[in-house]
Each structure stands twice: as C-alpha cells, then as structure tokens.
C-alpha cells in the first residue's frame, strides 16, 4: 500500500477528484478513516467466548480478512484491464482502499487480542514478540513482492503502463488467492482440532 499502490496511483490515477487536488498520500488517509468507521461498528457488542471458541472466531476473522484482500486486489486488477486511454478515476480505487482497511481490522488488532487471550500467562510476552516478528517478515516479503510491479522504463506511454500494471497485479492477485487457500486449509485444521479438544474435555 505504501509502495506499489502509491506509485500506481501517481502514474495512472487522476490527481483531481471533484475539483479537489487528490494526491496519492490522501488514499492512505481514506484508508485510516475507513479503519475508524469500521472499527467503531465492529467493536460494539463483543460476546464473551471460551478460549476454544475465541480461537475458532479468530481463525475465521483471519480467513475473512484474506478473502476481503482478494476482493480489493481483484478490483484493482480489474481496473487495470479497463481498455481506456485516459487516467483512471479515483472512484475506482477508493473502494479497494476501504476494503484493505476492513481487512486490516480483521487481522492486526484481532491478532494482538488473540495472543493475549490464547497464550499462557508465562508466554504472552514471547508470543507477542513472535507476532511482531511475523509483521516484520510480512513487511519484508511485501517489499520483495513490490519488485513485481516495478517499472524499469519510466517514460512508458499510458496504455503500456496499464498493461504492465494489469499483468503485475494479476500475478499478485494469484499469489494472494494461493495464500488464501492455504489459510482456508489451516483454518479448517485448527477448527477441527479445537472442536475435538473441546469435545474430549466435555467427555
């Protein structure tokens, strides 16, 4: 979001929206506003759950976050394939940023809460450190994936840039779908294990 998408917007999206100058950093602001709005509604009426139920709920939220990210990148990929020789409207990109904000809400704070609730009291700090290491690894991998969208010839015409980004985001979209399928498999295994453990404890 802070590298590939920002460069994509600066090159292919209209810098003016409703007569207002709308540069690439403003999209991050829209994403932050989305987090505030979505977070307000999602934080209301949280049920009290057991550890097993909380683990299942957390896995479901993670998986839903991945599906929403697929929708966001699917939208961006579709927009890139539009056969027009003009700059793209910001209205085509803003929904993707709002989807990203919703996906982030289902991942980052939920993950932090899961660590503090599911980890044993003696290992909370260790597990929290591992969680932040995973975020660092994710940032490292995102930088590597950003190479896919890099433009080696900055003077490319508009249609050539669109074709380049269409293929690049298509590749990222397919990688994201593969990761989502892996998450769905892991989530199914976790759900089955937790339900089996709960049943055993009841018996």
N, C-alpha and C. Protein backbone atom coordinates (compact mmCIF):
# COMPACT_ATOMS: atom_id res chain seq x y z
N UNK A 1 0.82 -1.22 0.00
CA UNK A 1 0.00 0.00 0.00
C UNK A 1 0.86 1.27 0.00
N UNK A 2 2.01 1.23 0.67
CA UNK A 2 2.85 2.42 0.74
C UNK A 2 3.91 2.46 -0.36
N UNK A 3 3.93 1.46 -1.22
CA UNK A 3 4.94 1.43 -2.27
C UNK A 3 4.29 1.19 -3.64
N UNK A 4 3.89 -0.05 -3.90
CA UNK A 4 3.36 -0.39 -5.23
C UNK A 4 2.10 0.39 -5.56
N UNK A 5 1.14 0.40 -4.64
CA UNK A 5 -0.13 1.08 -4.92
C UNK A 5 0.06 2.59 -5.02
N UNK A 6 0.95 3.14 -4.20
CA UNK A 6 1.19 4.59 -4.25
C UNK A 6 1.78 4.99 -5.60
N UNK A 7 2.75 4.22 -6.09
CA UNK A 7 3.34 4.51 -7.39
C UNK A 7 2.34 4.29 -8.51
N UNK A 8 1.52 3.26 -8.38
CA UNK A 8 0.47 3.00 -9.37
C UNK A 8 -0.50 4.18 -9.46
N UNK A 9 -0.91 4.69 -8.30
CA UNK A 9 -1.85 5.82 -8.28
C UNK A 9 -1.20 7.08 -8.85
N UNK A 10 0.06 7.33 -8.51
CA UNK A 10 0.73 8.53 -9.00
C UNK A 10 0.90 8.51 -10.52
N UNK A 11 0.92 7.32 -11.11
CA UNK A 11 1.15 7.21 -12.55
C UNK A 11 -0.13 7.08 -13.36
N UNK A 12 -1.17 6.44 -12.79
CA UNK A 12 -2.32 6.08 -13.61
C UNK A 12 -3.67 6.62 -13.13
N UNK A 13 -3.70 7.27 -11.98
CA UNK A 13 -4.97 7.74 -11.44
C UNK A 13 -5.02 9.27 -11.50
N UNK A 14 -6.20 9.79 -11.84
CA UNK A 14 -6.37 11.25 -11.93
C UNK A 14 -6.01 11.91 -10.60
N UNK A 15 -5.19 12.97 -10.62
CA UNK A 15 -4.78 13.63 -9.38
C UNK A 15 -5.82 14.61 -8.84
N UNK A 16 -6.95 14.76 -9.54
CA UNK A 16 -8.00 15.69 -9.12
C UNK A 16 -9.31 14.93 -8.99
N UNK A 17 -10.02 15.16 -7.88
CA UNK A 17 -11.30 14.49 -7.64
C UNK A 17 -12.30 15.53 -7.14
N UNK A 18 -13.42 15.66 -7.86
CA UNK A 18 -14.45 16.64 -7.52
C UNK A 18 -13.87 18.05 -7.44
N UNK A 19 -12.92 18.33 -8.33
CA UNK A 19 -12.29 19.65 -8.37
C UNK A 19 -11.27 19.87 -7.28
N UNK A 20 -10.97 18.84 -6.50
CA UNK A 20 -10.01 18.96 -5.39
C UNK A 20 -8.75 18.17 -5.73
N UNK A 21 -7.60 18.77 -5.47
CA UNK A 21 -6.34 18.07 -5.68
C UNK A 21 -6.29 16.86 -4.75
N UNK A 22 -6.10 15.66 -5.31
CA UNK A 22 -6.17 14.42 -4.54
C UNK A 22 -4.94 13.57 -4.82
N UNK A 23 -3.79 13.90 -4.20
CA UNK A 23 -2.54 13.17 -4.45
C UNK A 23 -2.56 11.79 -3.80
N UNK A 24 -1.61 10.93 -4.14
CA UNK A 24 -1.56 9.56 -3.61
C UNK A 24 -1.60 9.44 -2.08
N UNK A 25 -0.91 10.32 -1.30
CA UNK A 25 -1.00 10.16 0.16
C UNK A 25 -2.41 10.28 0.72
N UNK A 26 -3.31 10.94 0.02
CA UNK A 26 -4.67 11.09 0.51
C UNK A 26 -5.39 9.75 0.59
N UNK A 27 -4.98 8.80 -0.25
CA UNK A 27 -5.64 7.49 -0.23
C UNK A 27 -5.37 6.76 1.07
N UNK A 28 -4.18 6.96 1.62
CA UNK A 28 -3.87 6.37 2.93
C UNK A 28 -4.75 6.99 3.99
N UNK A 29 -5.06 8.29 3.83
CA UNK A 29 -5.98 8.95 4.76
C UNK A 29 -7.37 8.33 4.69
N UNK A 30 -7.83 8.05 3.47
CA UNK A 30 -9.12 7.38 3.29
C UNK A 30 -9.11 6.03 3.98
N UNK A 31 -8.00 5.31 3.86
CA UNK A 31 -7.89 4.01 4.50
C UNK A 31 -7.94 4.14 6.02
N UNK A 32 -7.32 5.18 6.56
CA UNK A 32 -7.35 5.41 8.01
C UNK A 32 -8.76 5.78 8.48
N UNK A 33 -9.45 6.59 7.69
CA UNK A 33 -10.84 6.93 8.02
C UNK A 33 -11.70 5.67 8.00
N UNK A 34 -11.46 4.80 7.03
CA UNK A 34 -12.19 3.54 6.97
C UNK A 34 -11.98 2.70 8.21
N UNK A 35 -10.75 2.67 8.73
CA UNK A 35 -10.47 1.91 9.95
C UNK A 35 -11.25 2.49 11.13
N UNK A 36 -11.31 3.81 11.24
CA UNK A 36 -12.04 4.44 12.33
C UNK A 36 -13.53 4.12 12.25
N UNK A 37 -14.10 4.22 11.06
CA UNK A 37 -15.54 3.99 10.90
C UNK A 37 -15.88 2.51 11.10
N UNK A 38 -15.17 1.63 10.40
CA UNK A 38 -15.44 0.20 10.54
C UNK A 38 -15.15 -0.28 11.96
N UNK A 39 -14.07 0.24 12.55
CA UNK A 39 -13.71 -0.18 13.89
C UNK A 39 -14.76 0.19 14.92
N UNK A 40 -15.41 1.34 14.73
CA UNK A 40 -16.46 1.77 15.66
C UNK A 40 -17.60 0.76 15.70
N UNK A 41 -18.01 0.28 14.54
CA UNK A 41 -19.14 -0.65 14.49
C UNK A 41 -18.72 -2.07 14.87
N UNK A 42 -17.50 -2.45 14.53
CA UNK A 42 -17.06 -3.81 14.81
C UNK A 42 -16.74 -4.03 16.29
N UNK A 43 -16.44 -2.96 17.01
CA UNK A 43 -16.07 -3.10 18.42
C UNK A 43 -17.27 -3.13 19.36
N UNK A 44 -18.47 -3.00 18.81
CA UNK A 44 -19.66 -2.95 19.66
C UNK A 44 -20.21 -4.36 19.86
N UNK A 45 -20.72 -4.61 21.08
CA UNK A 45 -21.41 -5.86 21.43
C UNK A 45 -20.54 -7.09 21.18
N UNK A 46 -19.32 -7.06 21.70
CA UNK A 46 -18.44 -8.21 21.58
C UNK A 46 -18.86 -9.28 22.58
N UNK A 47 -19.12 -10.52 22.12
CA UNK A 47 -19.57 -11.57 23.04
C UNK A 47 -18.42 -12.12 23.88
N UNK A 48 -18.75 -12.70 25.02
CA UNK A 48 -17.78 -13.35 25.88
C UNK A 48 -17.67 -14.81 25.43
N UNK A 49 -16.46 -15.23 25.05
CA UNK A 49 -16.28 -16.56 24.48
C UNK A 49 -15.25 -17.34 25.29
N UNK A 50 -15.34 -18.67 25.18
CA UNK A 50 -14.31 -19.53 25.76
C UNK A 50 -13.05 -19.44 24.91
N UNK A 51 -11.96 -20.01 25.43
CA UNK A 51 -10.70 -19.95 24.69
C UNK A 51 -10.81 -20.67 23.35
N UNK A 52 -11.46 -21.84 23.35
CA UNK A 52 -11.61 -22.60 22.11
C UNK A 52 -12.46 -21.83 21.11
N UNK A 53 -13.59 -21.29 21.58
CA UNK A 53 -14.46 -20.52 20.69
C UNK A 53 -13.76 -19.27 20.19
N UNK A 54 -12.95 -18.66 21.06
CA UNK A 54 -12.21 -17.47 20.64
C UNK A 54 -11.19 -17.83 19.56
N UNK A 55 -10.54 -18.98 19.71
CA UNK A 55 -9.57 -19.42 18.72
C UNK A 55 -10.23 -19.66 17.36
N UNK A 56 -11.41 -20.29 17.37
CA UNK A 56 -12.13 -20.53 16.12
C UNK A 56 -12.57 -19.20 15.51
N UNK A 57 -13.07 -18.30 16.34
CA UNK A 57 -13.52 -17.00 15.85
C UNK A 57 -12.35 -16.20 15.26
N UNK A 58 -11.20 -16.28 15.91
CA UNK A 58 -10.02 -15.57 15.41
C UNK A 58 -9.60 -16.10 14.05
N UNK A 59 -9.56 -17.43 13.92
CA UNK A 59 -9.21 -18.03 12.63
C UNK A 59 -10.17 -17.63 11.53
N UNK A 60 -11.46 -17.58 11.86
CA UNK A 60 -12.46 -17.17 10.87
C UNK A 60 -12.26 -15.72 10.44
N UNK A 61 -11.90 -14.87 11.39
CA UNK A 61 -11.66 -13.46 11.06
C UNK A 61 -10.42 -13.31 10.18
N UNK A 62 -9.37 -14.07 10.49
CA UNK A 62 -8.17 -14.03 9.65
C UNK A 62 -8.51 -14.45 8.22
N UNK A 63 -9.28 -15.53 8.10
CA UNK A 63 -9.64 -16.03 6.77
C UNK A 63 -10.51 -15.01 6.03
N UNK A 64 -11.46 -14.40 6.75
CA UNK A 64 -12.30 -13.38 6.13
C UNK A 64 -11.46 -12.20 5.67
N UNK A 65 -10.44 -11.85 6.46
CA UNK A 65 -9.53 -10.77 6.07
C UNK A 65 -8.84 -11.09 4.75
N UNK A 66 -8.42 -12.33 4.58
CA UNK A 66 -7.77 -12.73 3.34
C UNK A 66 -8.73 -12.65 2.16
N UNK A 67 -9.97 -13.08 2.37
CA UNK A 67 -10.97 -13.00 1.30
C UNK A 67 -11.22 -11.55 0.89
N UNK A 68 -11.29 -10.67 1.88
CA UNK A 68 -11.52 -9.25 1.57
C UNK A 68 -10.34 -8.66 0.82
N UNK A 69 -9.12 -9.06 1.18
CA UNK A 69 -7.95 -8.60 0.44
C UNK A 69 -7.99 -9.10 -1.01
N UNK A 70 -8.50 -10.32 -1.20
CA UNK A 70 -8.67 -10.84 -2.57
C UNK A 70 -9.64 -9.96 -3.35
N UNK A 71 -10.72 -9.53 -2.70
CA UNK A 71 -11.67 -8.64 -3.36
C UNK A 71 -11.01 -7.32 -3.73
N UNK A 72 -10.20 -6.77 -2.79
CA UNK A 72 -9.54 -5.49 -3.03
C UNK A 72 -8.59 -5.58 -4.23
N UNK A 73 -7.74 -6.60 -4.23
CA UNK A 73 -6.78 -6.74 -5.33
C UNK A 73 -7.46 -7.20 -6.61
N UNK A 74 -8.57 -7.94 -6.48
CA UNK A 74 -9.35 -8.28 -7.67
C UNK A 74 -9.90 -7.04 -8.33
N UNK A 75 -10.38 -6.09 -7.52
CA UNK A 75 -10.89 -4.83 -8.04
C UNK A 75 -9.79 -4.02 -8.72
N UNK A 76 -8.63 -3.93 -8.07
CA UNK A 76 -7.51 -3.18 -8.65
C UNK A 76 -7.07 -3.82 -9.97
N UNK A 77 -7.01 -5.15 -9.99
CA UNK A 77 -6.61 -5.85 -11.21
C UNK A 77 -7.61 -5.59 -12.33
N UNK A 78 -8.90 -5.65 -11.98
CA UNK A 78 -9.95 -5.41 -12.99
C UNK A 78 -9.83 -4.00 -13.56
N UNK A 79 -9.59 -3.04 -12.69
CA UNK A 79 -9.48 -1.63 -13.13
C UNK A 79 -8.30 -1.48 -14.10
N UNK A 80 -7.23 -2.19 -13.83
CA UNK A 80 -6.05 -2.08 -14.71
C UNK A 80 -6.33 -2.64 -16.11
N UNK A 81 -7.26 -3.57 -16.21
CA UNK A 81 -7.57 -4.17 -17.50
C UNK A 81 -8.58 -3.36 -18.30
N UNK A 82 -9.08 -2.26 -17.74
CA UNK A 82 -10.02 -1.43 -18.49
C UNK A 82 -9.30 -0.82 -19.69
N UNK A 83 -9.88 -1.02 -20.86
CA UNK A 83 -9.22 -0.60 -22.10
C UNK A 83 -9.57 0.86 -22.42
N UNK A 84 -9.01 1.76 -21.64
CA UNK A 84 -9.22 3.19 -21.87
C UNK A 84 -7.87 3.89 -21.90
N UNK A 85 -7.76 4.89 -22.75
CA UNK A 85 -6.50 5.61 -22.91
C UNK A 85 -6.51 6.90 -22.08
N UNK A 86 -7.17 6.85 -20.94
CA UNK A 86 -7.24 8.01 -20.04
C UNK A 86 -6.84 7.57 -18.63
N UNK A 87 -6.52 8.55 -17.80
CA UNK A 87 -6.21 8.25 -16.42
C UNK A 87 -7.46 7.71 -15.70
N UNK A 88 -7.24 6.85 -14.74
CA UNK A 88 -8.33 6.21 -14.02
C UNK A 88 -8.96 7.18 -13.01
N UNK A 89 -10.25 7.00 -12.77
CA UNK A 89 -10.94 7.83 -11.78
C UNK A 89 -10.60 7.35 -10.37
N UNK A 90 -10.41 8.27 -9.42
CA UNK A 90 -10.18 7.86 -8.02
C UNK A 90 -11.31 7.01 -7.46
N UNK A 91 -12.53 7.17 -7.99
CA UNK A 91 -13.67 6.40 -7.50
C UNK A 91 -13.49 4.90 -7.76
N UNK A 92 -12.62 4.55 -8.70
CA UNK A 92 -12.36 3.14 -8.98
C UNK A 92 -11.37 2.54 -7.98
N UNK A 93 -10.60 3.39 -7.33
CA UNK A 93 -9.55 2.91 -6.43
C UNK A 93 -9.96 3.02 -4.95
N UNK A 94 -10.76 4.01 -4.62
CA UNK A 94 -11.15 4.23 -3.22
C UNK A 94 -11.82 3.00 -2.59
N UNK A 95 -12.73 2.30 -3.29
CA UNK A 95 -13.33 1.11 -2.67
C UNK A 95 -12.30 0.05 -2.28
N UNK A 96 -11.24 -0.07 -3.08
CA UNK A 96 -10.19 -1.04 -2.75
C UNK A 96 -9.49 -0.66 -1.44
N UNK A 97 -9.24 0.62 -1.25
CA UNK A 97 -8.59 1.07 -0.01
C UNK A 97 -9.51 0.86 1.20
N UNK A 98 -10.80 1.03 1.02
CA UNK A 98 -11.73 0.78 2.12
C UNK A 98 -11.78 -0.71 2.45
N UNK A 99 -11.71 -1.56 1.43
CA UNK A 99 -11.65 -3.00 1.66
C UNK A 99 -10.38 -3.37 2.40
N UNK A 100 -9.26 -2.74 2.04
CA UNK A 100 -8.00 -3.00 2.72
C UNK A 100 -8.08 -2.60 4.19
N UNK A 101 -8.74 -1.48 4.47
CA UNK A 101 -8.89 -1.04 5.87
C UNK A 101 -9.72 -2.05 6.66
N UNK A 102 -10.78 -2.60 6.05
CA UNK A 102 -11.59 -3.60 6.73
C UNK A 102 -10.80 -4.88 6.96
N UNK A 103 -10.00 -5.28 5.97
CA UNK A 103 -9.17 -6.47 6.12
C UNK A 103 -8.14 -6.29 7.22
N UNK A 104 -7.57 -5.09 7.31
CA UNK A 104 -6.58 -4.83 8.36
C UNK A 104 -7.20 -4.91 9.75
N UNK A 105 -8.43 -4.44 9.87
CA UNK A 105 -9.12 -4.51 11.16
C UNK A 105 -9.36 -5.95 11.59
N UNK A 106 -9.58 -6.82 10.63
CA UNK A 106 -9.84 -8.23 10.94
C UNK A 106 -8.55 -9.01 11.18
N UNK A 107 -7.41 -8.37 10.98
CA UNK A 107 -6.14 -9.07 11.10
C UNK A 107 -5.27 -8.56 12.24
N UNK A 108 -4.87 -7.31 12.18
CA UNK A 108 -3.89 -6.80 13.14
C UNK A 108 -4.41 -6.75 14.58
N UNK A 109 -5.47 -6.00 14.88
CA UNK A 109 -5.94 -5.97 16.28
C UNK A 109 -6.47 -7.31 16.76
N UNK A 110 -7.07 -8.08 15.86
CA UNK A 110 -7.57 -9.41 16.23
C UNK A 110 -6.40 -10.32 16.60
N UNK A 111 -5.31 -10.20 15.84
CA UNK A 111 -4.13 -11.00 16.16
C UNK A 111 -3.53 -10.63 17.50
N UNK A 112 -3.45 -9.33 17.79
CA UNK A 112 -2.93 -8.89 19.10
C UNK A 112 -3.80 -9.41 20.24
N UNK A 113 -5.12 -9.32 20.06
CA UNK A 113 -6.03 -9.80 21.09
C UNK A 113 -5.91 -11.32 21.27
N UNK A 114 -5.75 -12.03 20.15
CA UNK A 114 -5.64 -13.49 20.23
C UNK A 114 -4.40 -13.91 21.01
N UNK A 115 -3.30 -13.20 20.82
CA UNK A 115 -2.07 -13.55 21.54
C UNK A 115 -2.27 -13.39 23.05
N UNK A 116 -2.86 -12.29 23.45
CA UNK A 116 -3.04 -12.04 24.90
C UNK A 116 -4.07 -12.99 25.52
N UNK A 117 -5.02 -13.47 24.74
CA UNK A 117 -6.07 -14.33 25.29
C UNK A 117 -5.69 -15.81 25.23
N UNK A 118 -5.11 -16.24 24.12
CA UNK A 118 -4.87 -17.67 23.91
C UNK A 118 -3.53 -18.15 24.47
N UNK A 119 -2.55 -17.26 24.55
CA UNK A 119 -1.24 -17.69 25.06
C UNK A 119 -1.28 -17.84 26.57
N UNK A 120 -0.47 -18.78 27.09
CA UNK A 120 -0.38 -18.94 28.53
C UNK A 120 0.26 -17.70 29.14
N UNK A 121 -0.04 -17.42 30.38
CA UNK A 121 0.43 -16.18 31.02
C UNK A 121 1.95 -16.09 31.04
N UNK A 122 2.63 -17.22 31.09
CA UNK A 122 4.09 -17.20 31.15
C UNK A 122 4.72 -16.91 29.80
N UNK A 123 3.92 -17.04 28.73
CA UNK A 123 4.50 -16.92 27.38
C UNK A 123 3.87 -15.78 26.57
N UNK A 124 3.08 -14.93 27.22
CA UNK A 124 2.42 -13.86 26.48
C UNK A 124 3.43 -12.93 25.82
N UNK A 125 4.45 -12.51 26.58
CA UNK A 125 5.43 -11.57 26.02
C UNK A 125 6.21 -12.22 24.88
N UNK A 126 6.55 -13.51 25.03
CA UNK A 126 7.27 -14.21 23.96
C UNK A 126 6.42 -14.31 22.70
N UNK A 127 5.16 -14.71 22.87
CA UNK A 127 4.26 -14.85 21.73
C UNK A 127 3.97 -13.49 21.08
N UNK A 128 3.90 -12.45 21.90
CA UNK A 128 3.69 -11.11 21.34
C UNK A 128 4.90 -10.70 20.49
N UNK A 129 6.10 -11.04 20.98
CA UNK A 129 7.31 -10.76 20.19
C UNK A 129 7.30 -11.52 18.87
N UNK A 130 6.86 -12.79 18.90
CA UNK A 130 6.78 -13.59 17.67
C UNK A 130 5.76 -12.97 16.71
N UNK A 131 4.65 -12.45 17.27
CA UNK A 131 3.63 -11.82 16.43
C UNK A 131 4.22 -10.61 15.71
N UNK A 132 4.97 -9.78 16.42
CA UNK A 132 5.56 -8.60 15.78
C UNK A 132 6.67 -8.99 14.81
N UNK A 133 7.37 -10.09 15.08
CA UNK A 133 8.36 -10.58 14.12
C UNK A 133 7.65 -10.99 12.83
N UNK A 134 6.48 -11.61 12.97
CA UNK A 134 5.72 -12.00 11.77
C UNK A 134 5.31 -10.78 10.96
N UNK A 135 4.98 -9.68 11.65
CA UNK A 135 4.67 -8.44 10.92
C UNK A 135 5.89 -7.91 10.18
N UNK A 136 7.05 -8.02 10.82
CA UNK A 136 8.28 -7.59 10.15
C UNK A 136 8.60 -8.45 8.94
N UNK A 137 8.39 -9.76 9.06
CA UNK A 137 8.60 -10.65 7.92
C UNK A 137 7.61 -10.34 6.80
N UNK A 138 6.38 -10.01 7.19
CA UNK A 138 5.38 -9.63 6.18
C UNK A 138 5.79 -8.37 5.44
N UNK A 139 6.32 -7.39 6.17
CA UNK A 139 6.79 -6.16 5.52
C UNK A 139 7.96 -6.44 4.59
N UNK A 140 8.86 -7.34 5.01
CA UNK A 140 9.99 -7.72 4.16
C UNK A 140 9.50 -8.39 2.88
N UNK A 141 8.55 -9.32 3.01
CA UNK A 141 8.02 -10.01 1.83
C UNK A 141 7.24 -9.06 0.92
N UNK A 142 6.55 -8.09 1.51
CA UNK A 142 5.81 -7.13 0.68
C UNK A 142 6.78 -6.32 -0.17
N UNK A 143 7.95 -6.01 0.40
CA UNK A 143 8.96 -5.30 -0.38
C UNK A 143 9.47 -6.15 -1.54
N UNK A 144 9.63 -7.45 -1.30
CA UNK A 144 10.05 -8.35 -2.37
C UNK A 144 8.97 -8.47 -3.44
N UNK A 145 7.71 -8.57 -3.02
CA UNK A 145 6.62 -8.67 -3.98
C UNK A 145 6.44 -7.38 -4.78
N UNK A 146 6.83 -6.25 -4.17
CA UNK A 146 6.70 -4.98 -4.88
C UNK A 146 7.59 -4.92 -6.12
N UNK A 147 8.63 -5.76 -6.15
CA UNK A 147 9.51 -5.79 -7.32
C UNK A 147 8.72 -6.21 -8.56
N UNK A 148 7.67 -7.02 -8.35
CA UNK A 148 6.87 -7.48 -9.49
C UNK A 148 6.25 -6.31 -10.23
N UNK A 149 5.89 -5.26 -9.50
CA UNK A 149 5.21 -4.12 -10.12
C UNK A 149 6.17 -3.01 -10.55
N UNK A 150 7.46 -3.21 -10.34
CA UNK A 150 8.42 -2.14 -10.66
C UNK A 150 8.43 -1.84 -12.15
N UNK A 151 8.58 -0.56 -12.48
CA UNK A 151 8.61 -0.10 -13.87
C UNK A 151 10.04 0.29 -14.21
N UNK A 152 10.64 -0.44 -15.13
CA UNK A 152 12.04 -0.19 -15.49
C UNK A 152 12.20 0.97 -16.47
N UNK A 153 11.12 1.28 -17.19
CA UNK A 153 11.17 2.38 -18.16
C UNK A 153 10.15 3.45 -17.76
N UNK A 154 10.57 4.49 -17.07
CA UNK A 154 9.63 5.49 -16.55
C UNK A 154 8.90 6.28 -17.63
N UNK A 155 9.39 6.26 -18.86
CA UNK A 155 8.77 7.05 -19.92
C UNK A 155 7.79 6.23 -20.77
N UNK A 156 7.26 5.14 -20.21
CA UNK A 156 6.31 4.31 -20.95
C UNK A 156 5.02 5.09 -21.21
N UNK A 157 4.37 4.89 -22.35
CA UNK A 157 3.07 5.53 -22.60
C UNK A 157 2.00 4.97 -21.67
N UNK A 158 0.88 5.66 -21.60
CA UNK A 158 -0.17 5.32 -20.64
C UNK A 158 -0.68 3.89 -20.81
N UNK A 159 -0.98 3.49 -22.04
CA UNK A 159 -1.53 2.15 -22.27
C UNK A 159 -0.51 1.07 -21.92
N UNK A 160 0.76 1.33 -22.20
CA UNK A 160 1.80 0.36 -21.84
C UNK A 160 1.92 0.22 -20.33
N UNK A 161 1.80 1.35 -19.62
CA UNK A 161 1.82 1.29 -18.16
C UNK A 161 0.63 0.50 -17.63
N UNK A 162 -0.54 0.71 -18.21
CA UNK A 162 -1.73 -0.04 -17.78
C UNK A 162 -1.54 -1.53 -17.99
N UNK A 163 -1.00 -1.90 -19.15
CA UNK A 163 -0.76 -3.31 -19.43
C UNK A 163 0.25 -3.91 -18.46
N UNK A 164 1.29 -3.13 -18.15
CA UNK A 164 2.29 -3.61 -17.19
C UNK A 164 1.67 -3.84 -15.82
N UNK A 165 0.90 -2.85 -15.33
CA UNK A 165 0.29 -3.00 -14.01
C UNK A 165 -0.80 -4.06 -14.01
N UNK A 166 -1.50 -4.24 -15.13
CA UNK A 166 -2.52 -5.28 -15.21
C UNK A 166 -1.90 -6.65 -15.01
N UNK A 167 -0.80 -6.91 -15.69
CA UNK A 167 -0.13 -8.20 -15.54
C UNK A 167 0.52 -8.35 -14.15
N UNK A 168 1.09 -7.25 -13.64
CA UNK A 168 1.74 -7.31 -12.33
C UNK A 168 0.73 -7.59 -11.22
N UNK A 169 -0.37 -6.84 -11.22
CA UNK A 169 -1.38 -7.05 -10.18
C UNK A 169 -2.11 -8.37 -10.36
N UNK A 170 -2.20 -8.86 -11.59
CA UNK A 170 -2.77 -10.19 -11.80
C UNK A 170 -1.91 -11.25 -11.13
N UNK A 171 -0.59 -11.10 -11.25
CA UNK A 171 0.33 -12.03 -10.58
C UNK A 171 0.18 -11.95 -9.07
N UNK A 172 0.13 -10.73 -8.53
CA UNK A 172 -0.07 -10.56 -7.08
C UNK A 172 -1.41 -11.12 -6.64
N UNK A 173 -2.43 -10.95 -7.47
CA UNK A 173 -3.76 -11.46 -7.16
C UNK A 173 -3.75 -12.99 -7.08
N UNK A 174 -3.07 -13.63 -8.00
CA UNK A 174 -2.98 -15.10 -7.99
C UNK A 174 -2.19 -15.59 -6.78
N UNK A 175 -1.12 -14.86 -6.41
CA UNK A 175 -0.36 -15.21 -5.21
C UNK A 175 -1.25 -15.08 -3.98
N UNK A 176 -2.06 -14.03 -3.95
CA UNK A 176 -2.96 -13.80 -2.81
C UNK A 176 -4.01 -14.89 -2.72
N UNK A 177 -4.55 -15.32 -3.86
CA UNK A 177 -5.53 -16.40 -3.85
C UNK A 177 -4.90 -17.69 -3.33
N UNK A 178 -3.68 -17.98 -3.75
CA UNK A 178 -2.98 -19.17 -3.26
C UNK A 178 -2.78 -19.12 -1.76
N UNK A 179 -2.37 -17.94 -1.25
CA UNK A 179 -2.18 -17.78 0.19
C UNK A 179 -3.51 -17.93 0.93
N UNK A 180 -4.59 -17.43 0.34
CA UNK A 180 -5.90 -17.55 0.97
C UNK A 180 -6.35 -19.00 1.05
N UNK A 181 -6.09 -19.76 0.01
CA UNK A 181 -6.44 -21.18 0.02
C UNK A 181 -5.64 -21.93 1.10
N UNK A 182 -4.37 -21.57 1.26
CA UNK A 182 -3.56 -22.17 2.33
C UNK A 182 -4.12 -21.81 3.69
N UNK A 183 -4.54 -20.55 3.85
CA UNK A 183 -5.14 -20.12 5.12
C UNK A 183 -6.45 -20.86 5.39
N UNK A 184 -7.24 -21.08 4.34
CA UNK A 184 -8.50 -21.82 4.50
C UNK A 184 -8.23 -23.24 4.97
N UNK A 185 -7.20 -23.87 4.41
CA UNK A 185 -6.83 -25.22 4.84
C UNK A 185 -6.38 -25.24 6.29
N UNK A 186 -5.51 -24.29 6.66
CA UNK A 186 -5.04 -24.21 8.05
C UNK A 186 -6.18 -23.91 9.00
N UNK A 187 -7.09 -23.02 8.58
CA UNK A 187 -8.22 -22.69 9.44
C UNK A 187 -9.10 -23.91 9.67
N UNK A 188 -9.31 -24.71 8.62
CA UNK A 188 -10.10 -25.93 8.78
C UNK A 188 -9.45 -26.90 9.75
N UNK A 189 -8.12 -27.04 9.67
CA UNK A 189 -7.41 -27.93 10.60
C UNK A 189 -7.53 -27.43 12.03
N UNK A 190 -7.39 -26.11 12.22
CA UNK A 190 -7.49 -25.53 13.57
C UNK A 190 -8.90 -25.71 14.13
N UNK A 191 -9.91 -25.46 13.32
CA UNK A 191 -11.30 -25.62 13.76
C UNK A 191 -11.57 -27.06 14.19
N UNK A 192 -11.10 -28.01 13.38
CA UNK A 192 -11.31 -29.42 13.70
C UNK A 192 -10.60 -29.81 15.00
N UNK A 193 -9.35 -29.31 15.16
CA UNK A 193 -8.57 -29.64 16.36
C UNK A 193 -9.21 -29.06 17.61
N UNK A 194 -9.65 -27.80 17.52
CA UNK A 194 -10.25 -27.16 18.70
C UNK A 194 -11.58 -27.81 19.07
N UNK A 195 -12.38 -28.14 18.06
CA UNK A 195 -13.66 -28.80 18.35
C UNK A 195 -13.44 -30.18 18.95
N UNK A 196 -12.43 -30.90 18.45
CA UNK A 196 -12.12 -32.22 19.00
C UNK A 196 -11.62 -32.11 20.43
N UNK A 197 -10.79 -31.11 20.70
CA UNK A 197 -10.27 -30.88 22.05
C UNK A 197 -11.39 -30.53 23.00
N UNK A 198 -12.31 -29.66 22.55
CA UNK A 198 -13.45 -29.27 23.39
C UNK A 198 -14.33 -30.47 23.70
N UNK A 199 -14.59 -31.29 22.71
CA UNK A 199 -15.42 -32.49 22.90
C UNK A 199 -14.78 -33.46 23.87
N UNK A 200 -13.45 -33.62 23.75
CA UNK A 200 -12.72 -34.51 24.66
C UNK A 200 -12.80 -34.02 26.10
N UNK A 201 -12.65 -32.71 26.28
CA UNK A 201 -12.71 -32.14 27.63
C UNK A 201 -14.09 -32.30 28.23
N UNK A 202 -15.14 -32.18 27.40
CA UNK A 202 -16.50 -32.34 27.89
C UNK A 202 -16.77 -33.77 28.29
N UNK A 203 -16.27 -34.73 27.45
CA UNK A 203 -16.45 -36.15 27.75
C UNK A 203 -15.68 -36.55 29.00
